[in-house]
């Protein structure tokens, strides 16, 4: 920068104080130590489960039914039950969650009502799952007389994960630049056509990522399933939506707390837990891959 005489003026930052540097390094060291501690604890837990459960995993364990009071056999009904519960849950919750997010971001007007709705969504996302389990028991099992069934469990899981799907879809839609909407409207497209052809396709990676993580979230829930859909034992898939099902989280709970052969079922407990962890991590990995591939296609 030049002054009035034409000479170049140079600006120098004041030297950093030694105390500030030491304080910053100390804070950085504490943050790094806490981060490494969390990672170490996570790997210890995963390693412990893998060490105790890997010896049980086999093709028969994945494809056969439990036998001998669940002290032998496999976990096929629990895997199929978890898959059915999650699949029906997502069929119900995804259209509702995405359309709600579209309404909140594209049609609703800023104001106290919108703030109240968003605050309610974020609050419901933090409600413990056992509360949703009691709600499902009172509403779907008792009031609507669905009984302990696949449909009651799926609807309960859908209500539980709905706030999460709404919030993640809303953030994905907000991430689409406003200029894209303006360009589409300037070309003569209607608001609805702009949302369908421009906003939703561009926000699809974020929505899919939220859906996959939401799927992983409901796959590991125990309380809602225990109150609304759980069966102690079934030999396969339910014949209708109004029959109970087995599920991996509840099966772990049963093996660890019920019966008189808990010690005999200990390896099966860890094997079932390891299977559930692999499935959840697999779904999260799929979500990350989808998001990464779609982001590479973007030029904005």
Protein backbone atom coordinates (compact mmCIF):
# COMPACT_ATOMS: atom_id res chain seq x y z
CA UNK A 1 0.00 0.00 0.00
CA UNK A 2 1.33 3.48 -0.94
CA UNK A 3 1.00 6.71 1.03
CA UNK A 4 0.42 10.19 -0.49
CA UNK A 5 4.12 10.61 -1.31
CA UNK A 6 4.18 7.38 -3.28
CA UNK A 7 6.34 5.45 -0.83
CA UNK A 8 5.29 1.90 -0.02
CA UNK A 9 4.05 1.53 3.54
CA UNK A 10 4.77 -1.77 5.26
CA UNK A 11 2.66 -3.15 8.07
CA UNK A 12 4.01 -5.57 10.60
CA UNK A 13 1.98 -7.72 12.96
CA UNK A 14 3.00 -7.39 16.59
CA UNK A 15 4.98 -10.36 17.89
CA UNK A 16 2.90 -13.07 19.51
CA UNK A 17 3.26 -13.25 23.25
CA UNK A 18 4.98 -16.32 24.65
CA UNK A 19 2.17 -16.94 27.14
CA UNK A 20 -0.48 -16.97 24.41
CA UNK A 21 1.57 -19.46 22.38
CA UNK A 22 1.97 -21.77 25.36
CA UNK A 23 -1.75 -21.53 26.17
CA UNK A 24 -2.70 -22.32 22.57
CA UNK A 25 -0.38 -25.31 22.43
CA UNK A 26 -1.78 -26.58 25.72
CA UNK A 27 -5.38 -26.35 24.49
CA UNK A 28 -4.42 -28.06 21.23
CA UNK A 29 -2.68 -30.84 23.18
CA UNK A 30 -5.76 -31.38 25.37
CA UNK A 31 -8.06 -31.52 22.32
CA UNK A 32 -5.75 -33.97 20.57
CA UNK A 33 -5.49 -36.15 23.68
CA UNK A 34 -9.27 -36.28 24.09
CA UNK A 35 -9.71 -37.11 20.40
CA UNK A 36 -7.19 -39.94 20.53
CA UNK A 37 -8.76 -41.20 23.77
CA UNK A 38 -12.19 -41.41 22.16
CA UNK A 39 -10.76 -43.24 19.15
CA UNK A 40 -8.86 -45.68 21.36
CA UNK A 41 -11.95 -46.42 23.47
CA UNK A 42 -14.00 -47.02 20.31
CA UNK A 43 -11.43 -49.43 18.87
CA UNK A 44 -11.15 -51.22 22.22
CA UNK A 45 -14.91 -51.82 22.33
CA UNK A 46 -15.00 -52.97 18.71
CA UNK A 47 -11.94 -55.16 19.25
CA UNK A 48 -13.43 -56.72 22.39
CA UNK A 49 -16.69 -57.60 20.60
CA UNK A 50 -14.82 -58.88 17.56
CA UNK A 51 -12.45 -60.99 19.69
CA UNK A 52 -15.32 -62.66 21.54
CA UNK A 53 -17.72 -62.97 18.62
CA UNK A 54 -15.60 -63.72 15.57
CA UNK A 55 -15.24 -67.40 16.50
CA UNK A 56 -19.01 -67.89 16.30
CA UNK A 57 -19.50 -66.32 12.88
CA UNK A 58 -20.06 -68.83 10.12
CA UNK A 59 -22.41 -69.47 7.24
CA UNK A 60 -24.59 -71.67 9.43
CA UNK A 61 -24.74 -68.96 12.09
CA UNK A 62 -26.07 -66.48 9.53
CA UNK A 63 -28.48 -68.82 7.72
CA UNK A 64 -30.00 -71.09 10.39
CA UNK A 65 -32.60 -70.73 13.13
CA UNK A 66 -31.76 -70.86 16.86
CA UNK A 67 -31.96 -74.32 18.43
CA UNK A 68 -31.63 -75.92 21.88
CA UNK A 69 -33.09 -73.01 23.88
CA UNK A 70 -31.04 -70.57 21.76
CA UNK A 71 -27.76 -72.11 22.93
CA UNK A 72 -27.00 -73.30 19.38
CA UNK A 73 -28.00 -72.64 15.80
CA UNK A 74 -28.06 -69.29 14.06
CA UNK A 75 -29.74 -65.89 13.97
CA UNK A 76 -31.46 -65.86 10.58
CA UNK A 77 -34.94 -64.87 11.92
CA UNK A 78 -33.42 -61.94 13.82
CA UNK A 79 -31.58 -60.70 10.71
CA UNK A 80 -34.69 -60.98 8.54
CA UNK A 81 -36.84 -59.33 11.21
CA UNK A 82 -34.46 -56.38 11.55
CA UNK A 83 -34.36 -55.99 7.76
CA UNK A 84 -38.16 -56.01 7.51
CA UNK A 85 -38.62 -53.53 10.35
CA UNK A 86 -36.08 -51.15 8.86
CA UNK A 87 -37.41 -51.49 5.30
CA UNK A 88 -41.03 -50.77 6.26
CA UNK A 89 -39.92 -47.94 8.53
CA UNK A 90 -38.06 -46.22 5.69
CA UNK A 91 -40.94 -46.70 3.25
CA UNK A 92 -43.19 -44.81 5.67
CA UNK A 93 -40.80 -42.13 6.91
CA UNK A 94 -38.87 -41.03 3.80
CA UNK A 95 -41.78 -39.49 1.81
CA UNK A 96 -43.15 -37.75 4.90
CA UNK A 97 -39.75 -36.51 6.03
CA UNK A 98 -38.64 -35.21 2.61
CA UNK A 99 -41.96 -33.49 1.87
CA UNK A 100 -41.95 -31.87 5.30
CA UNK A 101 -38.41 -30.61 4.71
CA UNK A 102 -39.45 -29.21 1.30
CA UNK A 103 -42.38 -27.38 2.86
CA UNK A 104 -40.27 -25.92 5.68
CA UNK A 105 -37.50 -24.70 3.36
CA UNK A 106 -39.40 -23.67 0.23
CA UNK A 107 -42.93 -22.68 1.24
CA UNK A 108 -43.04 -21.69 4.91
CA UNK A 109 -42.45 -18.05 5.83
CA UNK A 110 -39.82 -17.08 8.43
CA UNK A 111 -41.37 -16.21 11.75
CA UNK A 112 -42.14 -17.45 15.26
CA UNK A 113 -44.25 -20.37 14.00
CA UNK A 114 -41.42 -21.70 11.83
CA UNK A 115 -38.95 -21.29 14.70
CA UNK A 116 -41.31 -23.19 16.99
CA UNK A 117 -41.68 -26.01 14.48
CA UNK A 118 -37.90 -26.30 13.99
CA UNK A 119 -37.31 -26.23 17.74
CA UNK A 120 -39.89 -29.01 18.17
CA UNK A 121 -38.19 -31.12 15.49
CA UNK A 122 -34.76 -30.77 17.10
CA UNK A 123 -36.24 -31.49 20.53
CA UNK A 124 -37.99 -34.64 19.33
CA UNK A 125 -34.76 -35.83 17.74
CA UNK A 126 -33.20 -35.93 21.21
CA UNK A 127 -36.02 -37.77 22.99
CA UNK A 128 -34.87 -41.17 24.37
CA UNK A 129 -35.97 -44.15 22.31
CA UNK A 130 -37.72 -45.74 25.30
CA UNK A 131 -40.22 -42.85 25.25
CA UNK A 132 -41.05 -43.63 21.62
CA UNK A 133 -41.40 -47.28 22.62
CA UNK A 134 -43.99 -46.41 25.26
CA UNK A 135 -45.77 -44.15 22.78
CA UNK A 136 -45.92 -46.95 20.22
CA UNK A 137 -47.19 -49.36 22.88
CA UNK A 138 -49.97 -46.98 23.91
CA UNK A 139 -51.02 -45.89 20.42
CA UNK A 140 -50.35 -48.66 17.90
CA UNK A 141 -50.46 -51.75 20.12
CA UNK A 142 -53.37 -50.77 22.40
CA UNK A 143 -55.43 -47.99 20.79
CA UNK A 144 -55.22 -49.18 17.17
CA UNK A 145 -55.18 -52.82 18.32
CA UNK A 146 -52.24 -53.82 16.16
CA UNK A 147 -50.84 -55.93 18.98
CA UNK A 148 -47.17 -56.86 19.18
CA UNK A 149 -46.58 -56.85 15.45
CA UNK A 150 -44.34 -55.92 12.57
CA UNK A 151 -46.51 -52.97 11.56
CA UNK A 152 -46.60 -51.53 15.10
CA UNK A 153 -42.82 -51.74 15.41
CA UNK A 154 -42.21 -50.21 11.97
CA UNK A 155 -44.53 -47.27 12.61
CA UNK A 156 -42.95 -46.65 16.00
CA UNK A 157 -39.46 -46.63 14.47
CA UNK A 158 -40.73 -44.32 11.71
CA UNK A 159 -42.00 -41.78 14.24
CA UNK A 160 -38.75 -42.02 16.18
CA UNK A 161 -36.50 -41.34 13.17
CA UNK A 162 -38.82 -38.79 11.48
CA UNK A 163 -37.27 -35.69 13.17
CA UNK A 164 -33.81 -36.82 12.09
CA UNK A 165 -34.89 -37.37 8.46
CA UNK A 166 -36.59 -33.96 8.40
CA UNK A 167 -33.57 -32.11 9.80
CA UNK A 168 -31.02 -33.80 7.51
CA UNK A 169 -33.21 -33.35 4.43
CA UNK A 170 -33.80 -29.72 5.36
CA UNK A 171 -30.07 -29.03 5.62
CA UNK A 172 -29.45 -30.78 2.29
CA UNK A 173 -32.10 -28.64 0.55
CA UNK A 174 -30.77 -25.44 2.12
CA UNK A 175 -27.31 -26.26 0.75
CA UNK A 176 -28.55 -25.82 -2.84
CA UNK A 177 -27.51 -22.30 -3.95
CA UNK A 178 -30.35 -19.81 -4.22
CA UNK A 179 -29.05 -18.72 -7.63
CA UNK A 180 -30.09 -22.11 -9.07
CA UNK A 181 -33.68 -21.49 -8.02
CA UNK A 182 -33.61 -17.96 -9.44
CA UNK A 183 -32.17 -19.18 -12.74
CA UNK A 184 -34.88 -21.82 -13.08
CA UNK A 185 -37.65 -19.34 -12.28
CA UNK A 186 -36.15 -16.83 -14.72
CA UNK A 187 -36.41 -19.45 -17.48
CA UNK A 188 -40.16 -19.67 -16.90
CA UNK A 189 -40.34 -22.73 -14.66
CA UNK A 190 -42.89 -22.79 -11.85
CA UNK A 191 -41.85 -23.08 -8.22
CA UNK A 192 -43.04 -26.69 -8.06
CA UNK A 193 -41.18 -27.59 -11.26
CA UNK A 194 -38.04 -25.92 -9.89
CA UNK A 195 -38.24 -27.97 -6.70
CA UNK A 196 -38.78 -31.25 -8.53
CA UNK A 197 -36.26 -30.75 -11.36
CA UNK A 198 -33.57 -28.63 -9.72
CA UNK A 199 -33.65 -28.54 -5.91
CA UNK A 200 -34.40 -32.17 -5.08
CA UNK A 201 -31.91 -33.72 -7.58
CA UNK A 202 -29.11 -31.46 -6.32
CA UNK A 203 -29.94 -32.18 -2.67
CA UNK A 204 -30.33 -35.92 -3.25
CA UNK A 205 -26.81 -36.89 -2.00
CA UNK A 206 -27.40 -35.23 1.36
CA UNK A 207 -30.88 -36.72 1.64
CA UNK A 208 -29.60 -40.21 0.81
CA UNK A 209 -26.80 -39.88 3.35
CA UNK A 210 -29.29 -38.87 6.04
CA UNK A 211 -31.55 -41.75 5.05
CA UNK A 212 -28.73 -44.30 5.29
CA UNK A 213 -27.59 -43.01 8.68
CA UNK A 214 -31.21 -42.99 9.84
CA UNK A 215 -31.53 -46.59 8.68
CA UNK A 216 -28.45 -47.51 10.70
CA UNK A 217 -29.90 -45.65 13.68
CA UNK A 218 -33.20 -47.57 13.75
CA UNK A 219 -31.44 -50.89 13.08
CA UNK A 220 -29.77 -50.74 16.48
CA UNK A 221 -32.74 -49.66 18.59
CA UNK A 222 -34.02 -52.04 21.24
CA UNK A 223 -36.67 -50.30 23.36
CA UNK A 224 -39.18 -49.45 20.58
CA UNK A 225 -38.97 -52.99 19.22
CA UNK A 226 -39.22 -54.57 22.66
CA UNK A 227 -42.47 -52.69 23.42
CA UNK A 228 -44.18 -53.01 20.05
CA UNK A 229 -42.90 -55.82 17.82
CA UNK A 230 -40.59 -58.22 19.63
CA UNK A 231 -40.98 -61.98 19.55
CA UNK A 232 -38.95 -64.22 21.83
CA UNK A 233 -38.59 -66.75 19.02
CA UNK A 234 -39.96 -67.25 15.51
CA UNK A 235 -38.92 -69.78 12.92
CA UNK A 236 -38.80 -67.34 10.03
CA UNK A 237 -40.52 -64.35 8.49
CA UNK A 238 -43.96 -63.30 9.79
CA UNK A 239 -46.84 -64.32 7.59
CA UNK A 240 -48.55 -60.92 7.92
CA UNK A 241 -47.90 -57.39 9.14
CA UNK A 242 -49.76 -58.16 12.35
CA UNK A 243 -47.42 -60.86 13.63
CA UNK A 244 -44.41 -60.26 15.91
CA UNK A 245 -40.84 -60.55 14.64
CA UNK A 246 -37.41 -61.19 16.00
CA UNK A 247 -34.77 -58.44 15.72
CA UNK A 248 -31.03 -58.36 16.31
CA UNK A 249 -31.00 -55.77 19.16
CA UNK A 250 -33.80 -57.50 21.06
CA UNK A 251 -32.24 -60.91 20.41
CA UNK A 252 -29.03 -59.71 22.11
CA UNK A 253 -31.10 -58.49 25.06
CA UNK A 254 -32.90 -61.83 25.33
CA UNK A 255 -29.70 -63.84 25.16
CA UNK A 256 -28.04 -61.69 27.82
CA UNK A 257 -30.91 -61.46 30.33
CA UNK A 258 -33.47 -64.23 29.84
CA UNK A 259 -33.34 -67.99 30.26
CA UNK A 260 -31.24 -70.30 32.37
CA UNK A 261 -28.37 -70.81 29.90
CA UNK A 262 -26.92 -67.30 29.79
CA UNK A 263 -23.31 -68.49 30.05
CA UNK A 264 -23.83 -70.99 27.23
CA UNK A 265 -25.24 -68.26 25.01
CA UNK A 266 -22.40 -65.82 25.75
CA UNK A 267 -20.52 -66.50 22.48
CA UNK A 268 -23.79 -66.15 20.54
CA UNK A 269 -24.39 -62.80 22.25
CA UNK A 270 -21.08 -61.45 21.02
CA UNK A 271 -21.57 -62.99 17.58
CA UNK A 272 -24.98 -61.35 17.25
CA UNK A 273 -23.57 -58.02 18.46
CA UNK A 274 -20.73 -58.26 15.95
CA UNK A 275 -23.19 -59.01 13.15
CA UNK A 276 -25.26 -55.97 14.10
CA UNK A 277 -22.16 -53.75 14.22
CA UNK A 278 -21.06 -54.94 10.78
CA UNK A 279 -24.51 -54.24 9.33
CA UNK A 280 -24.70 -50.75 10.87
CA UNK A 281 -21.17 -49.85 9.79
CA UNK A 282 -21.92 -51.22 6.33
CA UNK A 283 -24.97 -48.97 5.95
CA UNK A 284 -22.99 -45.95 7.15
CA UNK A 285 -20.25 -46.81 4.65
CA UNK A 286 -22.79 -47.04 1.83
CA UNK A 287 -24.11 -43.59 2.78
CA UNK A 288 -20.60 -42.12 2.75
CA UNK A 289 -19.80 -43.68 -0.64
CA UNK A 290 -23.03 -42.39 -2.18
CA UNK A 291 -22.38 -38.90 -0.85
CA UNK A 292 -18.78 -38.90 -2.11
CA UNK A 293 -19.70 -40.12 -5.59
CA UNK A 294 -22.49 -37.57 -5.98
CA UNK A 295 -20.33 -34.72 -4.73
CA UNK A 296 -17.69 -35.50 -7.33
CA UNK A 297 -20.29 -34.93 -10.04
CA UNK A 298 -21.02 -31.39 -8.81
CA UNK A 299 -19.31 -28.47 -10.46
CA UNK A 300 -20.53 -25.87 -7.99
